[in-house]
Amino acid sequence: MLALSFLSAGVDAAEKRLQIGIALHPYYSYVAHVVGDRADILPLVEAGFNPHSYELQPSDLNRLMKMDALVLNGIGHDEFAVQAVEKLMHSQPVLKERLTLIYANKNVPLLAAANTRNAWNPHTFVSIDAAIRQVYTIARELGLLDPDNARYFQKNALLYARSLRQLKNHYLRSFKGKDLSGIRIASTHNAYGYFLQEFGIGIDTVIEPAHGVEPSATQLQKTIERIRKANVNLLFTELDMDNRYVKTIEAATGVRLYHFSHMTHGEFEKDKVYREMEQNLKTLTEALNKALELQSAATQVSISPESTKSEVL
């Protein structure tokens, strides 16, 4: 167990500017847009960590003691932080009195996790609609901690939400009148459920038996058979993640492979979500248009000269 000697009287509880902690990259972007220059953001963990396998270090806990609030995903993607922080708050009155935990997803309609019972899909930050709900929650909760800036936070949240909504609508317009119902999608894990439902699309096949767990050889073969049987058009996987089995699936089925950013790698940046969300929308547009193009070509090939002639007669 980590030593807790850092819980001392050296913390200045009278700090006027809010010190806001975040555990994941997307929440840095959300908070940065909400607070502008009227609060400080403290990443709980330095950039470059893997949220699926990280354990809090003493240096992280020292940063924790400087925070007034900590913004959390809270539904599975930052369990490394949630479990440790909740345990510390239970045992350390100083931390419990000082720190407010903001669960950004508390007003988001959640999707169930694939291949797992009694768990939620934590990848709400890959979705624009869910991101906007989280931004509003963060602004409201921070306004309760800093009433003098509550209206400022709310105004900034509305402006940021508008920019994200305009970004989504720009790409949605390109599919107006197009029938996407015949497109079948496989995903390495169920990270894109929230994102794809904004386009009226679902995921037909999730490959990993659990998030971050590679399928066995038997499971992989069954997945390949399932993809072939379902006539899956597209396979989506995570950018910056080396899934060795993806190439096997691509070669065995001929399905087209595309990569989405989860916005959880690299440096903490204010505009990371907007920039990488736009790239995801470009990738999705390219993938869906290609699938529609191939469907159209297949339909044309299936029309034989004899059937065409009979229709004319």
Protein backbone atom coordinates (compact mmCIF):
# COMPACT_ATOMS: atom_id res chain seq x y z
CA MET A 1 0.00 0.00 0.00
CA LEU A 2 1.27 3.47 -0.86
CA ALA A 3 2.48 5.60 2.03
CA LEU A 4 0.13 8.45 2.85
CA SER A 5 2.56 10.75 4.63
CA PHE A 6 1.83 13.42 2.04
CA LEU A 7 -1.55 13.99 3.72
CA SER A 8 -0.29 16.84 5.84
CA ALA A 9 -1.26 20.32 6.91
CA GLY A 10 0.74 21.83 4.07
CA VAL A 11 -2.29 22.00 1.78
CA ASP A 12 -3.67 25.51 1.37
CA ALA A 13 -7.43 25.10 1.56
CA ALA A 14 -7.99 28.80 0.93
CA GLU A 15 -6.84 28.69 -2.67
CA LYS A 16 -9.10 30.99 -4.68
CA ARG A 17 -8.54 29.57 -8.15
CA LEU A 18 -10.04 26.13 -8.51
CA GLN A 19 -7.48 23.37 -8.94
CA ILE A 20 -9.23 20.80 -11.14
CA GLY A 21 -7.85 17.32 -11.66
CA ILE A 22 -8.53 15.05 -14.61
CA ALA A 23 -7.68 11.38 -15.12
CA LEU A 24 -8.04 11.03 -18.91
CA HIS A 25 -7.10 13.17 -21.91
CA PRO A 26 -10.63 13.96 -23.20
CA TYR A 27 -11.57 15.43 -19.84
CA TYR A 28 -8.63 17.80 -20.04
CA SER A 29 -10.14 19.19 -23.24
CA TYR A 30 -13.62 19.42 -21.73
CA VAL A 31 -12.43 21.22 -18.59
CA ALA A 32 -10.07 23.52 -20.49
CA HIS A 33 -12.92 24.79 -22.65
CA VAL A 34 -15.26 25.19 -19.68
CA VAL A 35 -12.96 27.08 -17.28
CA GLY A 36 -10.94 29.17 -19.72
CA ASP A 37 -8.37 31.14 -17.73
CA ARG A 38 -10.31 31.08 -14.44
CA ALA A 39 -9.03 27.79 -13.02
CA ASP A 40 -6.02 25.51 -13.21
CA ILE A 41 -6.07 21.96 -14.59
CA LEU A 42 -3.92 19.27 -12.99
CA PRO A 43 -3.64 15.93 -14.80
CA LEU A 44 -3.61 13.25 -12.12
CA VAL A 45 -1.09 11.22 -14.13
CA GLU A 46 1.60 12.49 -16.47
CA ALA A 47 1.07 12.00 -20.23
CA GLY A 48 2.13 8.70 -21.76
CA PHE A 49 0.44 6.27 -19.37
CA ASN A 50 -1.75 3.31 -20.32
CA PRO A 51 -5.12 3.65 -18.55
CA HIS A 52 -5.79 -0.09 -18.85
CA SER A 53 -2.83 -1.14 -16.71
CA TYR A 54 -1.73 1.91 -14.69
CA GLU A 55 -1.45 2.05 -10.90
CA LEU A 56 -1.30 5.35 -9.03
CA GLN A 57 2.14 6.38 -7.80
CA PRO A 58 3.10 8.55 -4.78
CA SER A 59 3.77 11.50 -7.11
CA ASP A 60 0.22 11.18 -8.47
CA LEU A 61 -1.20 11.20 -4.97
CA ASN A 62 0.78 14.33 -4.13
CA ARG A 63 -0.92 16.04 -7.07
CA LEU A 64 -4.24 14.74 -5.82
CA MET A 65 -3.84 16.65 -2.57
CA LYS A 66 -3.62 19.94 -4.47
CA MET A 67 -6.97 19.44 -6.19
CA ASP A 68 -10.38 20.88 -5.30
CA ALA A 69 -12.14 18.59 -7.77
CA LEU A 70 -11.32 15.53 -9.83
CA VAL A 71 -13.25 14.89 -13.07
CA LEU A 72 -13.73 11.19 -13.73
CA ASN A 73 -15.11 8.97 -16.46
CA GLY A 74 -16.27 6.79 -13.60
CA ILE A 75 -17.75 3.90 -15.60
CA GLY A 76 -14.68 1.79 -16.31
CA HIS A 77 -12.05 3.65 -18.28
CA ASP A 78 -10.27 5.25 -15.32
CA GLU A 79 -10.77 2.55 -12.72
CA PHE A 80 -7.08 2.90 -11.85
CA ALA A 81 -8.00 6.31 -10.39
CA VAL A 82 -11.56 5.74 -9.18
CA GLN A 83 -10.82 2.77 -6.95
CA ALA A 84 -7.70 4.29 -5.39
CA VAL A 85 -9.22 7.73 -4.82
CA GLU A 86 -12.50 6.46 -3.37
CA LYS A 87 -10.55 4.21 -1.00
CA LEU A 88 -8.35 7.10 0.12
CA MET A 89 -11.32 9.40 0.64
CA HIS A 90 -12.94 6.76 2.82
CA SER A 91 -9.88 6.45 5.04
CA GLN A 92 -8.53 10.03 4.98
CA PRO A 93 -10.87 12.75 6.33
CA VAL A 94 -8.60 15.53 5.03
CA LEU A 95 -8.94 14.34 1.46
CA LYS A 96 -12.67 13.65 1.80
CA GLU A 97 -13.33 17.17 3.05
CA ARG A 98 -11.25 18.86 0.38
CA LEU A 99 -11.86 16.89 -2.80
CA THR A 100 -15.05 16.83 -4.88
CA LEU A 101 -15.39 13.96 -7.33
CA ILE A 102 -17.22 14.89 -10.54
CA TYR A 103 -18.58 11.87 -12.38
CA ALA A 104 -18.94 13.28 -15.87
CA ASN A 105 -21.12 10.44 -17.16
CA LYS A 106 -23.86 10.64 -14.56
CA ASN A 107 -26.32 12.22 -17.05
CA VAL A 108 -25.30 10.19 -20.10
CA PRO A 109 -27.60 7.37 -21.32
CA LEU A 110 -25.21 4.43 -21.11
CA LEU A 111 -24.76 1.40 -23.33
CA ALA A 112 -23.99 -2.03 -21.92
CA ALA A 113 -20.46 -3.32 -22.38
CA ALA A 114 -20.09 -6.04 -25.00
CA ASN A 115 -19.35 -9.62 -23.89
CA THR A 116 -19.45 -8.54 -20.22
CA ARG A 117 -22.26 -8.72 -17.67
CA ASN A 118 -23.17 -5.92 -15.28
CA ALA A 119 -20.83 -3.38 -16.86
CA TRP A 120 -21.19 -0.24 -18.93
CA ASN A 121 -19.41 0.72 -22.14
CA PRO A 122 -17.06 3.44 -20.83
CA HIS A 123 -16.14 5.01 -24.21
CA THR A 124 -18.62 7.88 -24.05
CA PHE A 125 -15.89 10.37 -24.91
CA VAL A 126 -15.65 8.96 -28.46
CA SER A 127 -19.20 10.25 -29.07
CA ILE A 128 -20.06 13.88 -29.70
CA ASP A 129 -23.53 13.71 -28.14
CA ALA A 130 -22.21 12.02 -25.01
CA ALA A 131 -19.26 14.43 -24.87
CA ILE A 132 -21.65 17.39 -24.87
CA ARG A 133 -23.66 15.93 -21.98
CA GLN A 134 -20.44 15.47 -20.02
CA VAL A 135 -19.32 19.03 -20.72
CA TYR A 136 -22.63 20.34 -19.34
CA THR A 137 -22.30 18.19 -16.22
CA ILE A 138 -18.75 19.37 -15.62
CA ALA A 139 -19.72 23.04 -16.04
CA ARG A 140 -22.64 22.70 -13.63
CA GLU A 141 -20.61 20.88 -10.96
CA LEU A 142 -17.72 23.34 -11.17
CA GLY A 143 -20.20 26.20 -10.92
CA LEU A 144 -21.37 24.81 -7.59
CA LEU A 145 -17.77 24.90 -6.35
CA ASP A 146 -17.13 28.38 -7.74
CA PRO A 147 -20.44 30.30 -7.83
CA ASP A 148 -18.72 33.53 -8.88
CA ASN A 149 -17.75 31.88 -12.19
CA ALA A 150 -20.77 29.61 -12.62
CA ARG A 151 -22.33 31.66 -15.44
CA TYR A 152 -18.95 31.96 -17.15
CA PHE A 153 -18.49 28.18 -17.03
CA GLN A 154 -22.01 27.61 -18.35
CA LYS A 155 -21.50 30.05 -21.23
CA ASN A 156 -18.23 28.38 -22.21
CA ALA A 157 -19.87 24.94 -22.08
CA LEU A 158 -22.63 26.11 -24.43
CA LEU A 159 -20.11 27.55 -26.90
CA TYR A 160 -17.99 24.40 -26.88
CA ALA A 161 -21.06 22.21 -27.26
CA ARG A 162 -22.18 24.30 -30.23
CA SER A 163 -18.83 23.88 -31.96
CA LEU A 164 -18.92 20.09 -31.47
CA ARG A 165 -22.53 19.87 -32.66
CA GLN A 166 -21.72 21.91 -35.78
CA LEU A 167 -18.80 19.60 -36.49
CA LYS A 168 -21.03 16.53 -36.32
CA ASN A 169 -23.80 18.09 -38.41
CA HIS A 170 -21.32 18.99 -41.14
CA TYR A 171 -20.57 15.31 -41.69
CA LEU A 172 -24.12 14.09 -41.08
CA ARG A 173 -25.33 16.23 -43.99
CA SER A 174 -23.22 14.21 -46.42
CA PHE A 175 -25.36 11.13 -45.67
CA LYS A 176 -28.74 12.80 -46.04
CA GLY A 177 -30.97 10.53 -48.13
CA LYS A 178 -28.47 7.66 -48.15
CA ASP A 179 -29.49 4.22 -46.90
CA LEU A 180 -26.96 2.97 -44.35
CA SER A 181 -29.10 0.06 -43.16
CA GLY A 182 -27.22 -2.50 -45.25
CA ILE A 183 -23.82 -1.68 -43.79
CA ARG A 184 -22.46 -4.28 -41.36
CA ILE A 185 -19.71 -3.39 -38.93
CA ALA A 186 -17.23 -5.33 -36.80
CA SER A 187 -15.17 -3.71 -34.06
CA THR A 188 -12.18 -4.92 -32.10
CA HIS A 189 -14.03 -3.83 -28.96
CA ASN A 190 -17.25 -1.97 -28.35
CA ALA A 191 -15.66 1.46 -28.16
CA TYR A 192 -17.66 2.97 -30.99
CA GLY A 193 -21.22 2.15 -29.99
CA TYR A 194 -21.97 5.69 -28.78
CA PHE A 195 -20.27 7.23 -31.81
CA LEU A 196 -21.95 5.08 -34.46
CA GLN A 197 -25.44 5.40 -33.04
CA GLU A 198 -25.30 9.10 -33.91
CA PHE A 199 -25.37 7.93 -37.54
CA GLY A 200 -28.08 5.36 -36.89
CA ILE A 201 -25.61 2.47 -37.12
CA GLY A 202 -24.96 -0.44 -34.77
CA ILE A 203 -22.08 -2.87 -34.34
CA ASP A 204 -22.75 -6.41 -35.55
CA THR A 205 -19.66 -8.15 -34.18
CA VAL A 206 -17.33 -7.33 -31.28
CA ILE A 207 -14.10 -9.30 -31.54
CA GLU A 208 -12.42 -9.10 -28.13
CA PRO A 209 -13.97 -11.35 -25.46
CA ALA A 210 -13.29 -8.52 -22.99
CA HIS A 211 -11.82 -5.07 -23.45
CA GLY A 212 -8.08 -5.33 -24.12
CA VAL A 213 -8.14 -9.15 -24.17
CA GLU A 214 -7.05 -10.72 -27.45
CA PRO A 215 -9.22 -13.57 -28.75
CA SER A 216 -7.85 -17.09 -28.64
CA ALA A 217 -7.20 -18.97 -31.89
CA THR A 218 -10.58 -20.70 -31.58
CA GLN A 219 -12.38 -17.45 -30.82
CA LEU A 220 -10.63 -15.76 -33.72
CA GLN A 221 -11.72 -18.47 -36.15
CA LYS A 222 -15.32 -18.20 -34.95
CA THR A 223 -15.15 -14.42 -35.39
CA ILE A 224 -13.90 -14.81 -38.96
CA GLU A 225 -16.77 -17.20 -39.71
CA ARG A 226 -19.26 -14.81 -38.12
CA ILE A 227 -17.94 -11.87 -40.17
CA ARG A 228 -18.25 -13.84 -43.39
CA LYS A 229 -21.75 -15.07 -42.57
CA ALA A 230 -22.99 -11.59 -41.62
CA ASN A 231 -21.46 -9.99 -44.74
CA VAL A 232 -19.61 -7.44 -42.60
CA ASN A 233 -18.39 -4.50 -44.69
CA LEU A 234 -16.15 -2.63 -42.28
CA LEU A 235 -13.78 -3.36 -39.40
CA PHE A 236 -13.00 -0.56 -36.94
CA THR A 237 -10.08 -0.63 -34.55
CA GLU A 238 -8.17 1.74 -32.29
CA LEU A 239 -5.47 4.06 -33.53
CA ASP A 240 -2.21 3.75 -31.55
CA MET A 241 -3.10 0.19 -30.51
CA ASP A 242 -1.23 -2.80 -31.90
CA ASN A 243 -3.83 -5.55 -32.27
CA ARG A 244 -1.97 -8.33 -34.06
CA TYR A 245 -5.07 -10.36 -34.81
CA VAL A 246 -6.67 -7.55 -36.87
CA LYS A 247 -4.46 -8.22 -39.87
CA THR A 248 -5.41 -11.89 -39.71
CA ILE A 249 -9.10 -10.99 -39.87
CA GLU A 250 -8.54 -8.51 -42.68
CA ALA A 251 -6.64 -11.07 -44.77
CA ALA A 252 -9.11 -13.90 -44.12
CA THR A 253 -12.31 -11.94 -44.81
CA GLY A 254 -11.34 -9.09 -47.12
CA VAL A 255 -13.17 -6.68 -44.80
CA ARG A 256 -11.93 -3.09 -44.99
CA LEU A 257 -10.03 -1.85 -41.93
CA TYR A 258 -10.28 1.68 -40.50
CA HIS A 259 -8.77 3.27 -37.38
CA PHE A 260 -10.42 5.62 -34.88
CA SER A 261 -8.70 7.70 -32.23
CA HIS A 262 -9.80 7.23 -28.62
CA MET A 263 -8.19 10.58 -27.75
CA THR A 264 -6.41 8.95 -24.80
CA HIS A 265 -2.81 9.07 -26.07
CA GLY A 266 -0.19 11.80 -26.36
CA GLU A 267 -0.05 15.13 -24.57
CA PHE A 268 -2.87 16.81 -22.69
CA GLU A 269 -4.21 19.50 -25.03
CA LYS A 270 -7.21 21.83 -25.01
CA ASP A 271 -8.16 21.15 -28.63
CA LYS A 272 -7.34 17.44 -28.68
CA VAL A 273 -10.97 16.28 -28.62
CA TYR A 274 -12.12 18.60 -31.40
CA ARG A 275 -9.14 17.81 -33.63
CA GLU A 276 -9.21 14.04 -33.22
CA MET A 277 -13.01 13.89 -33.26
CA GLU A 278 -12.93 15.63 -36.63
CA GLN A 279 -10.44 13.05 -37.88
CA ASN A 280 -12.74 10.27 -36.64
CA LEU A 281 -15.64 11.82 -38.54
CA LYS A 282 -13.53 12.03 -41.70
CA THR A 283 -12.54 8.38 -41.28
CA LEU A 284 -16.14 7.31 -40.72
CA THR A 285 -17.31 9.27 -43.76
CA GLU A 286 -14.64 7.63 -45.90
CA ALA A 287 -15.51 4.16 -44.58
CA LEU A 288 -19.27 4.49 -45.03
CA ASN A 289 -18.97 5.97 -48.51
CA LYS A 290 -16.67 3.15 -49.55
CA ALA A 291 -19.10 0.57 -48.17
CA LEU A 292 -21.99 2.20 -50.04
CA GLU A 293 -19.92 2.28 -53.21
CA LEU A 294 -19.11 -1.43 -52.96
CA GLN A 295 -22.73 -2.27 -52.21
CA SER A 296 -23.85 -0.38 -55.30
CA ALA A 297 -21.26 -2.11 -57.46
CA ALA A 298 -22.32 -5.53 -56.11
CA THR A 299 -25.95 -4.74 -56.89
CA GLN A 300 -25.09 -3.80 -60.46
CA VAL A 301 -23.12 -7.02 -60.98
CA SER A 302 -26.00 -9.12 -59.62
CA ILE A 303 -28.31 -7.80 -62.36
CA SER A 304 -27.81 -10.23 -65.25
CA PRO A 305 -28.29 -9.27 -68.91
CA GLU A 306 -31.18 -11.76 -69.09
CA SER A 307 -33.07 -10.16 -66.21
CA THR A 308 -32.47 -6.72 -67.66
CA LYS A 309 -33.82 -7.86 -71.04
CA SER A 310 -36.94 -9.41 -69.48
CA GLU A 311 -37.64 -6.23 -67.58
CA VAL A 312 -37.48 -4.22 -70.81
CA LEU A 313 -39.83 -6.67 -72.59
